[in-house]
Amino acid sequence: MKLMKSSVMAFLLVIGFGASANAKCYKFANTGGDVGVCVSGDGSQSRKKAKKICDSKVGNCGNITSSSSRCHSNKGKCYDESGNASRDAKAN
């Protein structure tokens, strides 16, 4: 029984760390690939948050076209969750 409890706890920890490590940088249809927004998470709420940040910074960004773990923009338009822009960003 003790071994089973330990196994279940270990499994839950692994799942928990995996879920918290999911983060994405999103690109958008109407930005020509020059704008990215990096947010924590990879679910519907994270996508909505990224779109909201993009729309507030550059106007109508359109739909999300892709995601990755990094963002690079020669125009300095990689935004983090706070809306701060830079040339490079990494999803945390």
PDB file of N, CA and C in Angstrom:
ATOM      1  N   MET A   1       0.828  -1.194   0.000  1.00  0.00           N
ATOM      2  CA  MET A   1       0.000   0.000   0.000  1.00  0.00           C
ATOM      3  C   MET A   1       0.872   1.257   0.000  1.00  0.00           C
ATOM      4  N   LYS A   2       1.940   1.234   0.792  1.00  0.00           N
ATOM      5  CA  LYS A   2       2.828   2.387   0.857  1.00  0.00           C
ATOM      6  C   LYS A   2       3.510   2.619  -0.500  1.00  0.00           C
ATOM      7  N   LEU A   3       3.900   1.543  -1.158  1.00  0.00           N
ATOM      8  CA  LEU A   3       4.526   1.643  -2.474  1.00  0.00           C
ATOM      9  C   LEU A   3       3.541   2.220  -3.492  1.00  0.00           C
ATOM     10  N   MET A   4       2.296   1.826  -3.393  1.00  0.00           N
ATOM     11  CA  MET A   4       1.284   2.336  -4.315  1.00  0.00           C
ATOM     12  C   MET A   4       1.064   3.834  -4.102  1.00  0.00           C
ATOM     13  N   LYS A   5       1.006   4.276  -2.844  1.00  0.00           N
ATOM     14  CA  LYS A   5       0.856   5.699  -2.547  1.00  0.00           C
ATOM     15  C   LYS A   5       2.027   6.487  -3.112  1.00  0.00           C
ATOM     16  N   SER A   6       3.229   5.958  -2.930  1.00  0.00           N
ATOM     17  CA  SER A   6       4.422   6.634  -3.441  1.00  0.00           C
ATOM     18  C   SER A   6       4.396   6.725  -4.959  1.00  0.00           C
ATOM     19  N   SER A   7       3.967   5.670  -5.604  1.00  0.00           N
ATOM     20  CA  SER A   7       3.889   5.661  -7.068  1.00  0.00           C
ATOM     21  C   SER A   7       2.878   6.677  -7.566  1.00  0.00           C
ATOM     22  N   VAL A   8       1.731   6.742  -6.906  1.00  0.00           N
ATOM     23  CA  VAL A   8       0.697   7.695  -7.303  1.00  0.00           C
ATOM     24  C   VAL A   8       1.196   9.124  -7.101  1.00  0.00           C
ATOM     25  N   MET A   9       1.848   9.393  -5.995  1.00  0.00           N
ATOM     26  CA  MET A   9       2.384  10.734  -5.731  1.00  0.00           C
ATOM     27  C   MET A   9       3.431  11.116  -6.773  1.00  0.00           C
ATOM     28  N   ALA A  10       4.319  10.191  -7.107  1.00  0.00           N
ATOM     29  CA  ALA A  10       5.345  10.459  -8.114  1.00  0.00           C
ATOM     30  C   ALA A  10       4.703  10.769  -9.465  1.00  0.00           C
ATOM     31  N   PHE A  11       3.695  10.004  -9.831  1.00  0.00           N
ATOM     32  CA  PHE A  11       2.983  10.224 -11.086  1.00  0.00           C
ATOM     33  C   PHE A  11       2.345  11.615 -11.112  1.00  0.00           C
ATOM     34  N   LEU A  12       1.695  11.997 -10.031  1.00  0.00           N
ATOM     35  CA  LEU A  12       1.040  13.300  -9.960  1.00  0.00           C
ATOM     36  C   LEU A  12       2.053  14.442 -10.035  1.00  0.00           C
ATOM     37  N   LEU A  13       3.202  14.273  -9.424  1.00  0.00           N
ATOM     38  CA  LEU A  13       4.242  15.295  -9.508  1.00  0.00           C
ATOM     39  C   LEU A  13       4.737  15.464 -10.938  1.00  0.00           C
ATOM     40  N   VAL A  14       4.955  14.359 -11.612  1.00  0.00           N
ATOM     41  CA  VAL A  14       5.412  14.425 -13.004  1.00  0.00           C
ATOM     42  C   VAL A  14       4.370  15.120 -13.869  1.00  0.00           C
ATOM     43  N   ILE A  15       3.114  14.764 -13.706  1.00  0.00           N
ATOM     44  CA  ILE A  15       2.033  15.391 -14.465  1.00  0.00           C
ATOM     45  C   ILE A  15       1.959  16.877 -14.124  1.00  0.00           C
ATOM     46  N   GLY A  16       2.070  17.218 -12.873  1.00  0.00           N
ATOM     47  CA  GLY A  16       2.012  18.616 -12.447  1.00  0.00           C
ATOM     48  C   GLY A  16       3.131  19.449 -13.031  1.00  0.00           C
ATOM     49  N   PHE A  17       4.345  18.930 -13.030  1.00  0.00           N
ATOM     50  CA  PHE A  17       5.463  19.666 -13.608  1.00  0.00           C
ATOM     51  C   PHE A  17       5.305  19.782 -15.113  1.00  0.00           C
ATOM     52  N   GLY A  18       4.819  18.761 -15.757  1.00  0.00           N
ATOM     53  CA  GLY A  18       4.601  18.806 -17.202  1.00  0.00           C
ATOM     54  C   GLY A  18       3.565  19.840 -17.582  1.00  0.00           C
ATOM     55  N   ALA A  19       2.496  19.929 -16.817  1.00  0.00           N
ATOM     56  CA  ALA A  19       1.441  20.894 -17.115  1.00  0.00           C
ATOM     57  C   ALA A  19       1.920  22.314 -16.919  1.00  0.00           C
ATOM     58  N   SER A  20       2.726  22.554 -15.882  1.00  0.00           N
ATOM     59  CA  SER A  20       3.190  23.908 -15.635  1.00  0.00           C
ATOM     60  C   SER A  20       4.284  24.315 -16.601  1.00  0.00           C
ATOM     61  N   ALA A  21       4.953  23.349 -17.224  1.00  0.00           N
ATOM     62  CA  ALA A  21       6.021  23.665 -18.155  1.00  0.00           C
ATOM     63  C   ALA A  21       5.492  23.989 -19.543  1.00  0.00           C
ATOM     64  N   ASN A  22       4.237  23.691 -19.824  1.00  0.00           N
ATOM     65  CA  ASN A  22       3.680  23.993 -21.132  1.00  0.00           C
ATOM     66  C   ASN A  22       3.472  25.489 -21.263  1.00  0.00           C
ATOM     67  N   ALA A  23       4.164  26.053 -22.197  1.00  0.00           N
ATOM     68  CA  ALA A  23       4.011  27.462 -22.513  1.00  0.00           C
ATOM     69  C   ALA A  23       4.271  27.607 -23.999  1.00  0.00           C
ATOM     70  N   LYS A  24       3.664  28.588 -24.594  1.00  0.00           N
ATOM     71  CA  LYS A  24       3.781  28.737 -26.038  1.00  0.00           C
ATOM     72  C   LYS A  24       3.961  30.191 -26.434  1.00  0.00           C
ATOM     73  N   CYS A  25       4.615  30.352 -27.568  1.00  0.00           N
ATOM     74  CA  CYS A  25       4.694  31.637 -28.248  1.00  0.00           C
ATOM     75  C   CYS A  25       3.845  31.495 -29.504  1.00  0.00           C
ATOM     76  N   TYR A  26       2.871  32.357 -29.656  1.00  0.00           N
ATOM     77  CA  TYR A  26       1.909  32.258 -30.740  1.00  0.00           C
ATOM     78  C   TYR A  26       2.178  33.308 -31.815  1.00  0.00           C
ATOM     79  N   LYS A  27       1.951  32.927 -33.073  1.00  0.00           N
ATOM     80  CA  LYS A  27       2.020  33.835 -34.232  1.00  0.00           C
ATOM     81  C   LYS A  27       0.602  33.966 -34.785  1.00  0.00           C
ATOM     82  N   PHE A  28       0.356  35.061 -35.503  1.00  0.00           N
ATOM     83  CA  PHE A  28      -1.005  35.400 -35.924  1.00  0.00           C
ATOM     84  C   PHE A  28      -1.113  35.666 -37.422  1.00  0.00           C
ATOM     85  N   ALA A  29      -2.292  35.426 -37.968  1.00  0.00           N
ATOM     86  CA  ALA A  29      -2.536  35.490 -39.412  1.00  0.00           C
ATOM     87  C   ALA A  29      -2.323  36.878 -40.015  1.00  0.00           C
ATOM     88  N   ASN A  30      -2.763  37.915 -39.345  1.00  0.00           N
ATOM     89  CA  ASN A  30      -2.746  39.263 -39.936  1.00  0.00           C
ATOM     90  C   ASN A  30      -1.475  40.047 -39.640  1.00  0.00           C
ATOM     91  N   THR A  31      -0.442  39.392 -39.133  1.00  0.00           N
ATOM     92  CA  THR A  31       0.759  40.142 -38.749  1.00  0.00           C
ATOM     93  C   THR A  31       1.967  39.833 -39.630  1.00  0.00           C
ATOM     94  N   GLY A  32       1.795  39.021 -40.630  1.00  0.00           N
ATOM     95  CA  GLY A  32       2.893  38.699 -41.529  1.00  0.00           C
ATOM     96  C   GLY A  32       4.027  37.934 -40.872  1.00  0.00           C
ATOM     97  N   GLY A  33       3.749  37.295 -39.750  1.00  0.00           N
ATOM     98  CA  GLY A  33       4.781  36.525 -39.051  1.00  0.00           C
ATOM     99  C   GLY A  33       5.745  37.369 -38.235  1.00  0.00           C
ATOM    100  N   ASP A  34       5.507  38.688 -38.164  1.00  0.00           N
ATOM    101  CA  ASP A  34       6.419  39.575 -37.446  1.00  0.00           C
ATOM    102  C   ASP A  34       6.074  39.760 -35.979  1.00  0.00           C
ATOM    103  N   VAL A  35       4.927  39.269 -35.547  1.00  0.00           N
ATOM    104  CA  VAL A  35       4.484  39.471 -34.172  1.00  0.00           C
ATOM    105  C   VAL A  35       4.271  38.121 -33.511  1.00  0.00           C
ATOM    106  N   GLY A  36       4.780  37.998 -32.290  1.00  0.00           N
ATOM    107  CA  GLY A  36       4.558  36.795 -31.493  1.00  0.00           C
ATOM    108  C   GLY A  36       4.223  37.185 -30.072  1.00  0.00           C
ATOM    109  N   VAL A  37       3.454  36.360 -29.422  1.00  0.00           N
ATOM    110  CA  VAL A  37       3.101  36.588 -28.019  1.00  0.00           C
ATOM    111  C   VAL A  37       3.357  35.297 -27.257  1.00  0.00           C
ATOM    112  N   CYS A  38       4.190  35.379 -26.218  1.00  0.00           N
ATOM    113  CA  CYS A  38       4.528  34.217 -25.386  1.00  0.00           C
ATOM    114  C   CYS A  38       3.759  34.283 -24.079  1.00  0.00           C
ATOM    115  N   VAL A  39       3.014  33.235 -23.801  1.00  0.00           N
ATOM    116  CA  VAL A  39       2.240  33.147 -22.563  1.00  0.00           C
ATOM    117  C   VAL A  39       2.435  31.768 -21.946  1.00  0.00           C
ATOM    118  N   SER A  40       2.182  31.677 -20.663  1.00  0.00           N
ATOM    119  CA  SER A  40       2.259  30.375 -20.007  1.00  0.00           C
ATOM    120  C   SER A  40       0.999  29.590 -20.334  1.00  0.00           C
ATOM    121  N   GLY A  41       1.141  28.305 -20.420  1.00  0.00           N
ATOM    122  CA  GLY A  41       0.008  27.444 -20.725  1.00  0.00           C
ATOM    123  C   GLY A  41      -0.138  27.200 -22.211  1.00  0.00           C
ATOM    124  N   ASP A  42      -0.996  26.243 -22.520  1.00  0.00           N
ATOM    125  CA  ASP A  42      -1.207  25.864 -23.920  1.00  0.00           C
ATOM    126  C   ASP A  42      -2.670  25.527 -24.179  1.00  0.00           C
ATOM    127  N   GLY A  43      -3.549  26.102 -23.400  1.00  0.00           N
ATOM    128  CA  GLY A  43      -4.967  25.794 -23.558  1.00  0.00           C
ATOM    129  C   GLY A  43      -5.723  26.951 -24.174  1.00  0.00           C
ATOM    130  N   SER A  44      -7.018  26.813 -24.190  1.00  0.00           N
ATOM    131  CA  SER A  44      -7.898  27.814 -24.779  1.00  0.00           C
ATOM    132  C   SER A  44      -7.726  29.181 -24.118  1.00  0.00           C
ATOM    133  N   GLN A  45      -7.639  29.207 -22.804  1.00  0.00           N
ATOM    134  CA  GLN A  45      -7.484  30.483 -22.098  1.00  0.00           C
ATOM    135  C   GLN A  45      -6.162  31.154 -22.441  1.00  0.00           C
ATOM    136  N   SER A  46      -5.098  30.361 -22.599  1.00  0.00           N
ATOM    137  CA  SER A  46      -3.791  30.914 -22.965  1.00  0.00           C
ATOM    138  C   SER A  46      -3.839  31.520 -24.360  1.00  0.00           C
ATOM    139  N   ARG A  47      -4.496  30.841 -25.278  1.00  0.00           N
ATOM    140  CA  ARG A  47      -4.629  31.350 -26.649  1.00  0.00           C
ATOM    141  C   ARG A  47      -5.424  32.657 -26.666  1.00  0.00           C
ATOM    142  N   LYS A  48      -6.496  32.710 -25.896  1.00  0.00           N
ATOM    143  CA  LYS A  48      -7.301  33.931 -25.816  1.00  0.00           C
ATOM    144  C   LYS A  48      -6.474  35.077 -25.243  1.00  0.00           C
ATOM    145  N   LYS A  49      -5.679  34.775 -24.230  1.00  0.00           N
ATOM    146  CA  LYS A  49      -4.833  35.793 -23.606  1.00  0.00           C
ATOM    147  C   LYS A  49      -3.810  36.317 -24.609  1.00  0.00           C
ATOM    148  N   ALA A  50      -3.174  35.412 -25.357  1.00  0.00           N
ATOM    149  CA  ALA A  50      -2.187  35.827 -26.352  1.00  0.00           C
ATOM    150  C   ALA A  50      -2.823  36.703 -27.421  1.00  0.00           C
ATOM    151  N   LYS A  51      -3.999  36.322 -27.901  1.00  0.00           N
ATOM    152  CA  LYS A  51      -4.693  37.113 -28.925  1.00  0.00           C
ATOM    153  C   LYS A  51      -5.061  38.485 -28.389  1.00  0.00           C
ATOM    154  N   LYS A  52      -5.510  38.542 -27.155  1.00  0.00           N
ATOM    155  CA  LYS A  52      -5.882  39.820 -26.551  1.00  0.00           C
ATOM    156  C   LYS A  52      -4.669  40.744 -26.455  1.00  0.00           C
ATOM    157  N   ILE A  53      -3.526  40.199 -26.064  1.00  0.00           N
ATOM    158  CA  ILE A  53      -2.301  40.998 -25.976  1.00  0.00           C
ATOM    159  C   ILE A  53      -1.913  41.497 -27.363  1.00  0.00           C
ATOM    160  N   CYS A  54      -1.936  40.611 -28.348  1.00  0.00           N
ATOM    161  CA  CYS A  54      -1.578  40.992 -29.716  1.00  0.00           C
ATOM    162  C   CYS A  54      -2.509  42.082 -30.238  1.00  0.00           C
ATOM    163  N   ASP A  55      -3.799  41.888 -30.093  1.00  0.00           N
ATOM    164  CA  ASP A  55      -4.775  42.866 -30.575  1.00  0.00           C
ATOM    165  C   ASP A  55      -4.581  44.223 -29.907  1.00  0.00           C
ATOM    166  N   SER A  56      -4.248  44.229 -28.620  1.00  0.00           N
ATOM    167  CA  SER A  56      -4.077  45.500 -27.914  1.00  0.00           C
ATOM    168  C   SER A  56      -2.800  46.217 -28.343  1.00  0.00           C
ATOM    169  N   LYS A  57      -1.804  45.474 -28.813  1.00  0.00           N
ATOM    170  CA  LYS A  57      -0.529  46.081 -29.196  1.00  0.00           C
ATOM    171  C   LYS A  57      -0.465  46.495 -30.656  1.00  0.00           C
ATOM    172  N   VAL A  58      -1.053  45.699 -31.557  1.00  0.00           N
ATOM    173  CA  VAL A  58      -0.881  45.986 -32.984  1.00  0.00           C
ATOM    174  C   VAL A  58      -2.183  46.062 -33.770  1.00  0.00           C
ATOM    175  N   GLY A  59      -3.320  45.927 -33.129  1.00  0.00           N
ATOM    176  CA  GLY A  59      -4.592  45.950 -33.840  1.00  0.00           C
ATOM    177  C   GLY A  59      -5.126  44.552 -34.048  1.00  0.00           C
ATOM    178  N   ASN A  60      -5.928  44.363 -35.073  1.00  0.00           N
ATOM    179  CA  ASN A  60      -6.542  43.059 -35.323  1.00  0.00           C
ATOM    180  C   ASN A  60      -5.492  42.084 -35.833  1.00  0.00           C
ATOM    181  N   CYS A  61      -5.059  41.181 -34.982  1.00  0.00           N
ATOM    182  CA  CYS A  61      -4.021  40.213 -35.339  1.00  0.00           C
ATOM    183  C   CYS A  61      -4.550  39.027 -36.128  1.00  0.00           C
ATOM    184  N   GLY A  62      -5.832  38.799 -36.091  1.00  0.00           N
ATOM    185  CA  GLY A  62      -6.397  37.637 -36.759  1.00  0.00           C
ATOM    186  C   GLY A  62      -6.245  36.397 -35.902  1.00  0.00           C
ATOM    187  N   ASN A  63      -6.467  35.255 -36.515  1.00  0.00           N
ATOM    188  CA  ASN A  63      -6.389  33.981 -35.797  1.00  0.00           C
ATOM    189  C   ASN A  63      -4.951  33.550 -35.567  1.00  0.00           C
ATOM    190  N   ILE A  64      -4.766  32.689 -34.586  1.00  0.00           N
ATOM    191  CA  ILE A  64      -3.453  32.088 -34.337  1.00  0.00           C
ATOM    192  C   ILE A  64      -3.147  31.123 -35.474  1.00  0.00           C
ATOM    193  N   THR A  65      -1.954  31.251 -36.042  1.00  0.00           N
ATOM    194  CA  THR A  65      -1.559  30.380 -37.150  1.00  0.00           C
ATOM    195  C   THR A  65      -0.553  29.319 -36.735  1.00  0.00           C
ATOM    196  N   SER A  66       0.238  29.605 -35.692  1.00  0.00           N
ATOM    197  CA  SER A  66       1.236  28.631 -35.254  1.00  0.00           C
ATOM    198  C   SER A  66       1.668  28.927 -33.832  1.00  0.00           C
ATOM    199  N   SER A  67       2.369  27.954 -33.255  1.00  0.00           N
ATOM    200  CA  SER A  67       2.939  28.150 -31.927  1.00  0.00           C
ATOM    201  C   SER A  67       4.274  27.443 -31.853  1.00  0.00           C
ATOM    202  N   SER A  68       5.131  27.932 -30.974  1.00  0.00           N
ATOM    203  CA  SER A  68       6.449  27.322 -30.762  1.00  0.00           C
ATOM    204  C   SER A  68       6.923  27.674 -29.366  1.00  0.00           C
ATOM    205  N   SER A  69       8.106  27.251 -29.039  1.00  0.00           N
ATOM    206  CA  SER A  69       8.642  27.541 -27.708  1.00  0.00           C
ATOM    207  C   SER A  69       9.431  28.845 -27.685  1.00  0.00           C
ATOM    208  N   ARG A  70       9.691  29.435 -28.854  1.00  0.00           N
ATOM    209  CA  ARG A  70      10.451  30.682 -28.941  1.00  0.00           C
ATOM    210  C   ARG A  70       9.793  31.633 -29.927  1.00  0.00           C
ATOM    211  N   CYS A  71      10.113  32.906 -29.765  1.00  0.00           N
ATOM    212  CA  CYS A  71       9.670  33.936 -30.693  1.00  0.00           C
ATOM    213  C   CYS A  71      10.881  34.770 -31.084  1.00  0.00           C
ATOM    214  N   HIS A  72      10.998  35.090 -32.362  1.00  0.00           N
ATOM    215  CA  HIS A  72      12.008  36.032 -32.843  1.00  0.00           C
ATOM    216  C   HIS A  72      11.336  36.968 -33.822  1.00  0.00           C
ATOM    217  N   SER A  73      11.577  38.251 -33.655  1.00  0.00           N
ATOM    218  CA  SER A  73      11.017  39.257 -34.550  1.00  0.00           C
ATOM    219  C   SER A  73      12.073  40.313 -34.816  1.00  0.00           C
ATOM    220  N   ASN A  74      12.435  40.502 -36.076  1.00  0.00           N
ATOM    221  CA  ASN A  74      13.397  41.550 -36.431  1.00  0.00           C
ATOM    222  C   ASN A  74      12.837  42.936 -36.141  1.00  0.00           C
ATOM    223  N   LYS A  75      11.537  43.040 -36.002  1.00  0.00           N
ATOM    224  CA  LYS A  75      10.899  44.321 -35.716  1.00  0.00           C
ATOM    225  C   LYS A  75      10.695  44.553 -34.220  1.00  0.00           C
ATOM    226  N   GLY A  76      11.189  43.632 -33.379  1.00  0.00           N
ATOM    227  CA  GLY A  76      11.075  43.804 -31.930  1.00  0.00           C
ATOM    228  C   GLY A  76       9.670  43.632 -31.415  1.00  0.00           C
ATOM    229  N   LYS A  77       8.918  42.712 -32.016  1.00  0.00           N
ATOM    230  CA  LYS A  77       7.528  42.534 -31.625  1.00  0.00           C
ATOM    231  C   LYS A  77       7.246  41.133 -31.086  1.00  0.00           C
ATOM    232  N   CYS A  78       8.066  40.706 -30.145  1.00  0.00           N
ATOM    233  CA  CYS A  78       7.786  39.496 -29.371  1.00  0.00           C
ATOM    234  C   CYS A  78       7.305  39.987 -28.013  1.00  0.00           C
ATOM    235  N   TYR A  79       6.059  39.747 -27.720  1.00  0.00           N
ATOM    236  CA  TYR A  79       5.469  40.254 -26.486  1.00  0.00           C
ATOM    237  C   TYR A  79       5.376  39.152 -25.439  1.00  0.00           C
ATOM    238  N   ASP A  80       5.599  39.549 -24.173  1.00  0.00           N
ATOM    239  CA  ASP A  80       5.415  38.612 -23.079  1.00  0.00           C
ATOM    240  C   ASP A  80       4.026  38.822 -22.477  1.00  0.00           C
ATOM    241  N   GLU A  81       3.738  38.114 -21.404  1.00  0.00           N
ATOM    242  CA  GLU A  81       2.407  38.189 -20.779  1.00  0.00           C
ATOM    243  C   GLU A  81       2.068  39.564 -20.242  1.00  0.00           C
ATOM    244  N   SER A  82       3.100  40.372 -19.980  1.00  0.00           N
ATOM    245  CA  SER A  82       2.873  41.726 -19.479  1.00  0.00           C
ATOM    246  C   SER A  82       2.720  42.742 -20.600  1.00  0.00           C
ATOM    247  N   GLY A  83       2.909  42.293 -21.844  1.00  0.00           N
ATOM    248  CA  GLY A  83       2.810  43.198 -22.984  1.00  0.00           C
ATOM    249  C   GLY A  83       4.105  43.890 -23.327  1.00  0.00           C
ATOM    250  N   ASN A  84       5.209  43.480 -22.700  1.00  0.00           N
ATOM    251  CA  ASN A  84       6.519  44.056 -22.995  1.00  0.00           C
ATOM    252  C   ASN A  84       7.061  43.454 -24.288  1.00  0.00           C
ATOM    253  N   ALA A  85       7.614  44.306 -25.148  1.00  0.00           N
ATOM    254  CA  ALA A  85       8.116  43.866 -26.443  1.00  0.00           C
ATOM    255  C   ALA A  85       9.634  43.681 -26.413  1.00  0.00           C
ATOM    256  N   SER A  86      10.109  42.736 -27.222  1.00  0.00           N
ATOM    257  CA  SER A  86      11.544  42.534 -27.408  1.00  0.00           C
ATOM    258  C   SER A  86      11.751  41.838 -28.754  1.00  0.00           C
ATOM    259  N   ARG A  87      13.002  41.648 -29.137  1.00  0.00           N
ATOM    260  CA  ARG A  87      13.296  40.942 -30.396  1.00  0.00           C
ATOM    261  C   ARG A  87      13.166  39.438 -30.242  1.00  0.00           C
ATOM    262  N   ASP A  88      13.494  38.946 -29.069  1.00  0.00           N
ATOM    263  CA  ASP A  88      13.452  37.498 -28.807  1.00  0.00           C
ATOM    264  C   ASP A  88      12.723  37.248 -27.505  1.00  0.00           C
ATOM    265  N   ALA A  89      11.981  36.176 -27.486  1.00  0.00           N
ATOM    266  CA  ALA A  89      11.287  35.771 -26.256  1.00  0.00           C
ATOM    267  C   ALA A  89      11.206  34.252 -26.245  1.00  0.00           C
ATOM    268  N   LYS A  90      11.142  33.722 -25.061  1.00  0.00           N
ATOM    269  CA  LYS A  90      11.026  32.281 -24.883  1.00  0.00           C
ATOM    270  C   LYS A  90       9.839  32.009 -23.984  1.00  0.00           C
ATOM    271  N   ALA A  91       9.065  31.012 -24.346  1.00  0.00           N
ATOM    272  CA  ALA A  91       7.939  30.634 -23.514  1.00  0.00           C
ATOM    273  C   ALA A  91       8.479  30.015 -22.224  1.00  0.00           C
ATOM    274  N   ASN A  92       7.987  30.500 -21.113  1.00  0.00           N
ATOM    275  CA  ASN A  92       8.472  29.996 -19.811  1.00  0.00           C
ATOM    276  C   ASN A  92       7.566  28.933 -19.276  1.00  0.00           C
TER     277      ASN A  92
END
